[in-house]
């Protein structure tokens, strides 16, 4: 993962991902595309909490998930959701 450390954009669309642990290991990541993956709401909540605990801002495209389902109580999360 060291050679990816400076990666700023990651397109993981339609890859059957079930976890987003990769985000935690990429400190410069600013844009993440995960449309078409079987992510659970818990995994998305986990990502939002992680972003909230850091000084990072991440734009994430999770098309296909309704915004009503993503109204999460996570404080001042700096995660912009594009749906």
PDB file of N, CA and C in Angstrom:
ATOM      1  N   UNK A   1       0.803  -1.200   0.000  1.00  0.00           N
ATOM      2  CA  UNK A   1       0.000   0.000   0.000  1.00  0.00           C
ATOM      3  C   UNK A   1       0.847   1.267   0.000  1.00  0.00           C
ATOM      4  N   UNK A   2       2.116   1.172   0.290  1.00  0.00           N
ATOM      5  CA  UNK A   2       2.946   2.371   0.365  1.00  0.00           C
ATOM      6  C   UNK A   2       3.002   3.122  -0.957  1.00  0.00           C
ATOM      7  N   UNK A   3       3.019   2.403  -2.071  1.00  0.00           N
ATOM      8  CA  UNK A   3       3.098   3.076  -3.363  1.00  0.00           C
ATOM      9  C   UNK A   3       1.782   3.757  -3.718  1.00  0.00           C
ATOM     10  N   UNK A   4       0.706   3.484  -2.980  1.00  0.00           N
ATOM     11  CA  UNK A   4      -0.584   4.138  -3.198  1.00  0.00           C
ATOM     12  C   UNK A   4      -0.850   5.256  -2.191  1.00  0.00           C
ATOM     13  N   UNK A   5       0.066   5.504  -1.296  1.00  0.00           N
ATOM     14  CA  UNK A   5      -0.154   6.439  -0.189  1.00  0.00           C
ATOM     15  C   UNK A   5      -0.557   7.839  -0.644  1.00  0.00           C
ATOM     16  N   UNK A   6      -0.083   8.301  -1.780  1.00  0.00           N
ATOM     17  CA  UNK A   6      -0.398   9.653  -2.268  1.00  0.00           C
ATOM     18  C   UNK A   6      -1.628   9.684  -3.178  1.00  0.00           C
ATOM     19  N   UNK A   7      -2.288   8.558  -3.345  1.00  0.00           N
ATOM     20  CA  UNK A   7      -3.470   8.471  -4.205  1.00  0.00           C
ATOM     21  C   UNK A   7      -4.562   9.415  -3.715  1.00  0.00           C
ATOM     22  N   UNK A   8      -5.141  10.209  -4.638  1.00  0.00           N
ATOM     23  CA  UNK A   8      -6.174  11.169  -4.257  1.00  0.00           C
ATOM     24  C   UNK A   8      -7.555  10.766  -4.742  1.00  0.00           C
ATOM     25  N   UNK A   9      -7.632   9.946  -5.771  1.00  0.00           N
ATOM     26  CA  UNK A   9      -8.928   9.509  -6.287  1.00  0.00           C
ATOM     27  C   UNK A   9      -8.880   8.008  -6.524  1.00  0.00           C
ATOM     28  N   UNK A  10      -9.953   7.325  -6.121  1.00  0.00           N
ATOM     29  CA  UNK A  10      -9.995   5.872  -6.247  1.00  0.00           C
ATOM     30  C   UNK A  10     -11.354   5.457  -6.792  1.00  0.00           C
ATOM     31  N   UNK A  11     -11.352   4.775  -7.931  1.00  0.00           N
ATOM     32  CA  UNK A  11     -12.582   4.316  -8.571  1.00  0.00           C
ATOM     33  C   UNK A  11     -12.716   2.820  -8.325  1.00  0.00           C
ATOM     34  N   UNK A  12     -13.629   2.456  -7.438  1.00  0.00           N
ATOM     35  CA  UNK A  12     -13.856   1.049  -7.095  1.00  0.00           C
ATOM     36  C   UNK A  12     -15.257   0.602  -7.497  1.00  0.00           C
ATOM     37  N   UNK A  13     -15.819   1.214  -8.522  1.00  0.00           N
ATOM     38  CA  UNK A  13     -17.178   0.870  -8.938  1.00  0.00           C
ATOM     39  C   UNK A  13     -17.258  -0.571  -9.427  1.00  0.00           C
ATOM     40  N   UNK A  14     -18.360  -1.216  -9.048  1.00  0.00           N
ATOM     41  CA  UNK A  14     -18.695  -2.566  -9.516  1.00  0.00           C
ATOM     42  C   UNK A  14     -17.596  -3.592  -9.258  1.00  0.00           C
ATOM     43  N   UNK A  15     -17.049  -3.598  -8.055  1.00  0.00           N
ATOM     44  CA  UNK A  15     -15.989  -4.537  -7.707  1.00  0.00           C
ATOM     45  C   UNK A  15     -16.368  -5.536  -6.629  1.00  0.00           C
ATOM     46  N   UNK A  16     -17.624  -5.567  -6.235  1.00  0.00           N
ATOM     47  CA  UNK A  16     -18.112  -6.496  -5.211  1.00  0.00           C
ATOM     48  C   UNK A  16     -17.447  -6.287  -3.857  1.00  0.00           C
ATOM     49  N   UNK A  17     -17.084  -5.054  -3.547  1.00  0.00           N
ATOM     50  CA  UNK A  17     -16.489  -4.743  -2.244  1.00  0.00           C
ATOM     51  C   UNK A  17     -17.533  -4.824  -1.146  1.00  0.00           C
ATOM     52  N   UNK A  18     -17.128  -5.332  -0.017  1.00  0.00           N
ATOM     53  CA  UNK A  18     -18.017  -5.376   1.140  1.00  0.00           C
ATOM     54  C   UNK A  18     -17.446  -4.571   2.301  1.00  0.00           C
ATOM     55  N   UNK A  19     -16.208  -4.162   2.189  1.00  0.00           N
ATOM     56  CA  UNK A  19     -15.525  -3.380   3.227  1.00  0.00           C
ATOM     57  C   UNK A  19     -14.810  -2.202   2.573  1.00  0.00           C
ATOM     58  N   UNK A  20     -14.655  -1.125   3.331  1.00  0.00           N
ATOM     59  CA  UNK A  20     -13.956   0.056   2.826  1.00  0.00           C
ATOM     60  C   UNK A  20     -12.708   0.366   3.636  1.00  0.00           C
ATOM     61  N   UNK A  21     -12.053  -0.639   4.141  1.00  0.00           N
ATOM     62  CA  UNK A  21     -10.857  -0.435   4.961  1.00  0.00           C
ATOM     63  C   UNK A  21      -9.747   0.288   4.212  1.00  0.00           C
ATOM     64  N   UNK A  22      -9.738   0.197   2.903  1.00  0.00           N
ATOM     65  CA  UNK A  22      -8.686   0.821   2.100  1.00  0.00           C
ATOM     66  C   UNK A  22      -8.632   2.329   2.338  1.00  0.00           C
ATOM     67  N   UNK A  23      -9.752   2.946   2.637  1.00  0.00           N
ATOM     68  CA  UNK A  23      -9.789   4.392   2.854  1.00  0.00           C
ATOM     69  C   UNK A  23      -8.939   4.792   4.051  1.00  0.00           C
ATOM     70  N   UNK A  24      -8.947   3.975   5.055  1.00  0.00           N
ATOM     71  CA  UNK A  24      -8.180   4.272   6.267  1.00  0.00           C
ATOM     72  C   UNK A  24      -6.673   4.252   6.014  1.00  0.00           C
ATOM     73  N   UNK A  25      -6.261   3.545   4.987  1.00  0.00           N
ATOM     74  CA  UNK A  25      -4.838   3.396   4.688  1.00  0.00           C
ATOM     75  C   UNK A  25      -4.339   4.375   3.626  1.00  0.00           C
ATOM     76  N   UNK A  26      -5.217   5.236   3.124  1.00  0.00           N
ATOM     77  CA  UNK A  26      -4.853   6.202   2.088  1.00  0.00           C
ATOM     78  C   UNK A  26      -5.096   7.622   2.604  1.00  0.00           C
ATOM     79  N   UNK A  27      -4.109   8.210   3.252  1.00  0.00           N
ATOM     80  CA  UNK A  27      -4.308   9.503   3.920  1.00  0.00           C
ATOM     81  C   UNK A  27      -4.612  10.676   2.995  1.00  0.00           C
ATOM     82  N   UNK A  28      -4.231  10.617   1.725  1.00  0.00           N
ATOM     83  CA  UNK A  28      -4.460  11.728   0.800  1.00  0.00           C
ATOM     84  C   UNK A  28      -5.707  11.549  -0.056  1.00  0.00           C
ATOM     85  N   UNK A  29      -6.439  10.462   0.142  1.00  0.00           N
ATOM     86  CA  UNK A  29      -7.620  10.182  -0.672  1.00  0.00           C
ATOM     87  C   UNK A  29      -8.672  11.263  -0.484  1.00  0.00           C
ATOM     88  N   UNK A  30      -9.175  11.806  -1.596  1.00  0.00           N
ATOM     89  CA  UNK A  30     -10.180  12.867  -1.555  1.00  0.00           C
ATOM     90  C   UNK A  30     -11.471  12.468  -2.260  1.00  0.00           C
ATOM     91  N   UNK A  31     -11.406  11.513  -3.179  1.00  0.00           N
ATOM     92  CA  UNK A  31     -12.601  11.127  -3.931  1.00  0.00           C
ATOM     93  C   UNK A  31     -12.647   9.614  -4.052  1.00  0.00           C
ATOM     94  N   UNK A  32     -13.783   9.045  -3.680  1.00  0.00           N
ATOM     95  CA  UNK A  32     -13.956   7.594  -3.696  1.00  0.00           C
ATOM     96  C   UNK A  32     -15.248   7.263  -4.425  1.00  0.00           C
ATOM     97  N   UNK A  33     -15.166   6.405  -5.434  1.00  0.00           N
ATOM     98  CA  UNK A  33     -16.332   5.976  -6.199  1.00  0.00           C
ATOM     99  C   UNK A  33     -16.587   4.504  -5.897  1.00  0.00           C
ATOM    100  N   UNK A  34     -17.742   4.199  -5.322  1.00  0.00           N
ATOM    101  CA  UNK A  34     -18.033   2.811  -4.940  1.00  0.00           C
ATOM    102  C   UNK A  34     -19.398   2.336  -5.434  1.00  0.00           C
ATOM    103  N   UNK A  35     -19.960   3.009  -6.403  1.00  0.00           N
ATOM    104  CA  UNK A  35     -21.254   2.617  -6.951  1.00  0.00           C
ATOM    105  C   UNK A  35     -21.215   1.168  -7.438  1.00  0.00           C
ATOM    106  N   UNK A  36     -22.279   0.424  -7.167  1.00  0.00           N
ATOM    107  CA  UNK A  36     -22.383  -0.947  -7.646  1.00  0.00           C
ATOM    108  C   UNK A  36     -21.752  -1.989  -6.750  1.00  0.00           C
ATOM    109  N   UNK A  37     -21.351  -1.603  -5.551  1.00  0.00           N
ATOM    110  CA  UNK A  37     -20.782  -2.550  -4.598  1.00  0.00           C
ATOM    111  C   UNK A  37     -21.809  -2.874  -3.517  1.00  0.00           C
ATOM    112  N   UNK A  38     -21.779  -4.086  -2.993  1.00  0.00           N
ATOM    113  CA  UNK A  38     -22.760  -4.485  -1.970  1.00  0.00           C
ATOM    114  C   UNK A  38     -22.387  -3.999  -0.570  1.00  0.00           C
ATOM    115  N   UNK A  39     -22.196  -2.690  -0.419  1.00  0.00           N
ATOM    116  CA  UNK A  39     -21.828  -2.132   0.883  1.00  0.00           C
ATOM    117  C   UNK A  39     -23.049  -2.061   1.789  1.00  0.00           C
ATOM    118  N   UNK A  40     -22.840  -2.383   3.033  1.00  0.00           N
ATOM    119  CA  UNK A  40     -23.929  -2.290   4.001  1.00  0.00           C
ATOM    120  C   UNK A  40     -23.967  -0.877   4.577  1.00  0.00           C
ATOM    121  N   UNK A  41     -25.101  -0.525   5.146  1.00  0.00           N
ATOM    122  CA  UNK A  41     -25.196   0.776   5.797  1.00  0.00           C
ATOM    123  C   UNK A  41     -24.212   0.876   6.950  1.00  0.00           C
ATOM    124  N   UNK A  42     -23.959  -0.237   7.618  1.00  0.00           N
ATOM    125  CA  UNK A  42     -22.988  -0.232   8.717  1.00  0.00           C
ATOM    126  C   UNK A  42     -21.587   0.107   8.214  1.00  0.00           C
ATOM    127  N   UNK A  43     -21.225  -0.403   7.050  1.00  0.00           N
ATOM    128  CA  UNK A  43     -19.908  -0.097   6.490  1.00  0.00           C
ATOM    129  C   UNK A  43     -19.816   1.381   6.125  1.00  0.00           C
ATOM    130  N   UNK A  44     -20.887   1.928   5.579  1.00  0.00           N
ATOM    131  CA  UNK A  44     -20.899   3.348   5.241  1.00  0.00           C
ATOM    132  C   UNK A  44     -20.834   4.185   6.511  1.00  0.00           C
ATOM    133  N   UNK A  45     -21.576   3.800   7.533  1.00  0.00           N
ATOM    134  CA  UNK A  45     -21.522   4.509   8.820  1.00  0.00           C
ATOM    135  C   UNK A  45     -20.106   4.476   9.395  1.00  0.00           C
ATOM    136  N   UNK A  46     -19.459   3.332   9.286  1.00  0.00           N
ATOM    137  CA  UNK A  46     -18.094   3.191   9.787  1.00  0.00           C
ATOM    138  C   UNK A  46     -17.154   4.162   9.075  1.00  0.00           C
ATOM    139  N   UNK A  47     -17.321   4.290   7.770  1.00  0.00           N
ATOM    140  CA  UNK A  47     -16.495   5.215   7.000  1.00  0.00           C
ATOM    141  C   UNK A  47     -16.757   6.654   7.434  1.00  0.00           C
ATOM    142  N   UNK A  48     -18.015   7.006   7.618  1.00  0.00           N
ATOM    143  CA  UNK A  48     -18.357   8.361   8.041  1.00  0.00           C
ATOM    144  C   UNK A  48     -17.758   8.659   9.408  1.00  0.00           C
ATOM    145  N   UNK A  49     -17.839   7.700  10.318  1.00  0.00           N
ATOM    146  CA  UNK A  49     -17.257   7.898  11.650  1.00  0.00           C
ATOM    147  C   UNK A  49     -15.748   8.078  11.564  1.00  0.00           C
ATOM    148  N   UNK A  50     -15.101   7.290  10.697  1.00  0.00           N
ATOM    149  CA  UNK A  50     -13.649   7.417  10.529  1.00  0.00           C
ATOM    150  C   UNK A  50     -13.289   8.810  10.024  1.00  0.00           C
ATOM    151  N   UNK A  51     -14.007   9.285   9.029  1.00  0.00           N
ATOM    152  CA  UNK A  51     -13.733  10.612   8.479  1.00  0.00           C
ATOM    153  C   UNK A  51     -13.983  11.677   9.538  1.00  0.00           C
ATOM    154  N   UNK A  52     -15.011  11.481  10.353  1.00  0.00           N
ATOM    155  CA  UNK A  52     -15.347  12.441  11.404  1.00  0.00           C
ATOM    156  C   UNK A  52     -14.250  12.526  12.465  1.00  0.00           C
ATOM    157  N   UNK A  53     -13.532  11.448  12.680  1.00  0.00           N
ATOM    158  CA  UNK A  53     -12.480  11.411  13.698  1.00  0.00           C
ATOM    159  C   UNK A  53     -11.149  11.947  13.190  1.00  0.00           C
ATOM    160  N   UNK A  54     -11.080  12.280  11.920  1.00  0.00           N
ATOM    161  CA  UNK A  54      -9.849  12.811  11.334  1.00  0.00           C
ATOM    162  C   UNK A  54     -10.114  14.217  10.806  1.00  0.00           C
ATOM    163  N   UNK A  55      -9.119  14.809  10.197  1.00  0.00           N
ATOM    164  CA  UNK A  55      -9.296  16.134   9.602  1.00  0.00           C
ATOM    165  C   UNK A  55      -9.508  16.026   8.099  1.00  0.00           C
ATOM    166  N   UNK A  56      -9.905  14.874   7.635  1.00  0.00           N
ATOM    167  CA  UNK A  56     -10.041  14.622   6.204  1.00  0.00           C
ATOM    168  C   UNK A  56     -11.406  15.029   5.675  1.00  0.00           C
ATOM    169  N   UNK A  57     -11.452  15.295   4.391  1.00  0.00           N
ATOM    170  CA  UNK A  57     -12.701  15.497   3.668  1.00  0.00           C
ATOM    171  C   UNK A  57     -12.670  14.527   2.499  1.00  0.00           C
ATOM    172  N   UNK A  58     -13.704  13.725   2.365  1.00  0.00           N
ATOM    173  CA  UNK A  58     -13.767  12.750   1.281  1.00  0.00           C
ATOM    174  C   UNK A  58     -15.101  12.895   0.567  1.00  0.00           C
ATOM    175  N   UNK A  59     -15.067  12.932  -0.761  1.00  0.00           N
ATOM    176  CA  UNK A  59     -16.265  12.894  -1.572  1.00  0.00           C
ATOM    177  C   UNK A  59     -16.474  11.436  -1.951  1.00  0.00           C
ATOM    178  N   UNK A  60     -17.683  10.927  -1.714  1.00  0.00           N
ATOM    179  CA  UNK A  60     -17.936   9.518  -2.005  1.00  0.00           C
ATOM    180  C   UNK A  60     -19.200   9.377  -2.842  1.00  0.00           C
ATOM    181  N   UNK A  61     -19.113   8.625  -3.908  1.00  0.00           N
ATOM    182  CA  UNK A  61     -20.243   8.370  -4.792  1.00  0.00           C
ATOM    183  C   UNK A  61     -20.769   6.974  -4.478  1.00  0.00           C
ATOM    184  N   UNK A  62     -21.961   6.920  -3.896  1.00  0.00           N
ATOM    185  CA  UNK A  62     -22.569   5.634  -3.549  1.00  0.00           C
ATOM    186  C   UNK A  62     -23.944   5.536  -4.192  1.00  0.00           C
ATOM    187  N   UNK A  63     -24.037   5.891  -5.448  1.00  0.00           N
ATOM    188  CA  UNK A  63     -25.315   5.901  -6.157  1.00  0.00           C
ATOM    189  C   UNK A  63     -26.071   4.602  -5.926  1.00  0.00           C
ATOM    190  N   UNK A  64     -27.370   4.744  -5.763  1.00  0.00           N
ATOM    191  CA  UNK A  64     -28.203   3.570  -5.555  1.00  0.00           C
ATOM    192  C   UNK A  64     -28.683   3.419  -4.125  1.00  0.00           C
ATOM    193  N   UNK A  65     -28.164   4.226  -3.216  1.00  0.00           N
ATOM    194  CA  UNK A  65     -28.604   4.175  -1.823  1.00  0.00           C
ATOM    195  C   UNK A  65     -29.375   5.454  -1.542  1.00  0.00           C
ATOM    196  N   UNK A  66     -30.576   5.325  -1.004  1.00  0.00           N
ATOM    197  CA  UNK A  66     -31.409   6.504  -0.773  1.00  0.00           C
ATOM    198  C   UNK A  66     -30.822   7.380   0.324  1.00  0.00           C
ATOM    199  N   UNK A  67     -30.932   8.681   0.134  1.00  0.00           N
ATOM    200  CA  UNK A  67     -30.391   9.622   1.107  1.00  0.00           C
ATOM    201  C   UNK A  67     -31.088   9.512   2.449  1.00  0.00           C
ATOM    202  N   UNK A  68     -32.378   9.157   2.456  1.00  0.00           N
ATOM    203  CA  UNK A  68     -33.091   9.016   3.717  1.00  0.00           C
ATOM    204  C   UNK A  68     -32.417   7.972   4.603  1.00  0.00           C
ATOM    205  N   UNK A  69     -31.904   6.932   4.005  1.00  0.00           N
ATOM    206  CA  UNK A  69     -31.268   5.863   4.768  1.00  0.00           C
ATOM    207  C   UNK A  69     -29.898   6.278   5.284  1.00  0.00           C
ATOM    208  N   UNK A  70     -29.368   7.380   4.768  1.00  0.00           N
ATOM    209  CA  UNK A  70     -28.032   7.806   5.168  1.00  0.00           C
ATOM    210  C   UNK A  70     -28.038   8.955   6.166  1.00  0.00           C
ATOM    211  N   UNK A  71     -29.196   9.294   6.696  1.00  0.00           N
ATOM    212  CA  UNK A  71     -29.239  10.334   7.714  1.00  0.00           C
ATOM    213  C   UNK A  71     -28.732   9.727   9.005  1.00  0.00           C
ATOM    214  N   UNK A  72     -27.453   9.891   9.226  1.00  0.00           N
ATOM    215  CA  UNK A  72     -26.768   9.251  10.338  1.00  0.00           C
ATOM    216  C   UNK A  72     -26.368  10.295  11.359  1.00  0.00           C
ATOM    217  N   UNK A  73     -26.440   9.943  12.624  1.00  0.00           N
ATOM    218  CA  UNK A  73     -26.015  10.866  13.665  1.00  0.00           C
ATOM    219  C   UNK A  73     -24.528  10.656  13.937  1.00  0.00           C
ATOM    220  N   UNK A  74     -23.692  11.363  13.205  1.00  0.00           N
ATOM    221  CA  UNK A  74     -22.250  11.199  13.376  1.00  0.00           C
ATOM    222  C   UNK A  74     -21.538  12.529  13.600  1.00  0.00           C
ATOM    223  N   UNK A  75     -22.234  13.500  14.132  1.00  0.00           N
ATOM    224  CA  UNK A  75     -21.558  14.752  14.464  1.00  0.00           C
ATOM    225  C   UNK A  75     -21.211  15.584  13.249  1.00  0.00           C
ATOM    226  N   UNK A  76     -19.989  16.046  13.189  1.00  0.00           N
ATOM    227  CA  UNK A  76     -19.544  16.979  12.160  1.00  0.00           C
ATOM    228  C   UNK A  76     -18.785  16.271  11.034  1.00  0.00           C
ATOM    229  N   UNK A  77     -19.268  15.158  10.569  1.00  0.00           N
ATOM    230  CA  UNK A  77     -18.563  14.391   9.537  1.00  0.00           C
ATOM    231  C   UNK A  77     -18.304  15.246   8.302  1.00  0.00           C
ATOM    232  N   UNK A  78     -17.119  15.153   7.781  1.00  0.00           N
ATOM    233  CA  UNK A  78     -16.742  15.870   6.580  1.00  0.00           C
ATOM    234  C   UNK A  78     -16.735  14.901   5.411  1.00  0.00           C
ATOM    235  N   UNK A  79     -17.890  14.289   5.185  1.00  0.00           N
ATOM    236  CA  UNK A  79     -18.040  13.326   4.098  1.00  0.00           C
ATOM    237  C   UNK A  79     -19.164  13.826   3.220  1.00  0.00           C
ATOM    238  N   UNK A  80     -18.892  14.089   1.960  1.00  0.00           N
ATOM    239  CA  UNK A  80     -19.908  14.580   1.052  1.00  0.00           C
ATOM    240  C   UNK A  80     -20.431  13.405   0.245  1.00  0.00           C
ATOM    241  N   UNK A  81     -21.728  13.177   0.331  1.00  0.00           N
ATOM    242  CA  UNK A  81     -22.326  12.022  -0.322  1.00  0.00           C
ATOM    243  C   UNK A  81     -22.991  12.470  -1.609  1.00  0.00           C
ATOM    244  N   UNK A  82     -22.619  11.849  -2.716  1.00  0.00           N
ATOM    245  CA  UNK A  82     -23.200  12.136  -4.014  1.00  0.00           C
ATOM    246  C   UNK A  82     -24.062  10.950  -4.385  1.00  0.00           C
ATOM    247  N   UNK A  83     -25.350  11.181  -4.537  1.00  0.00           N
ATOM    248  CA  UNK A  83     -26.252  10.075  -4.881  1.00  0.00           C
ATOM    249  C   UNK A  83     -27.078  10.422  -6.085  1.00  0.00           C
TER     250      UNK A  83
END
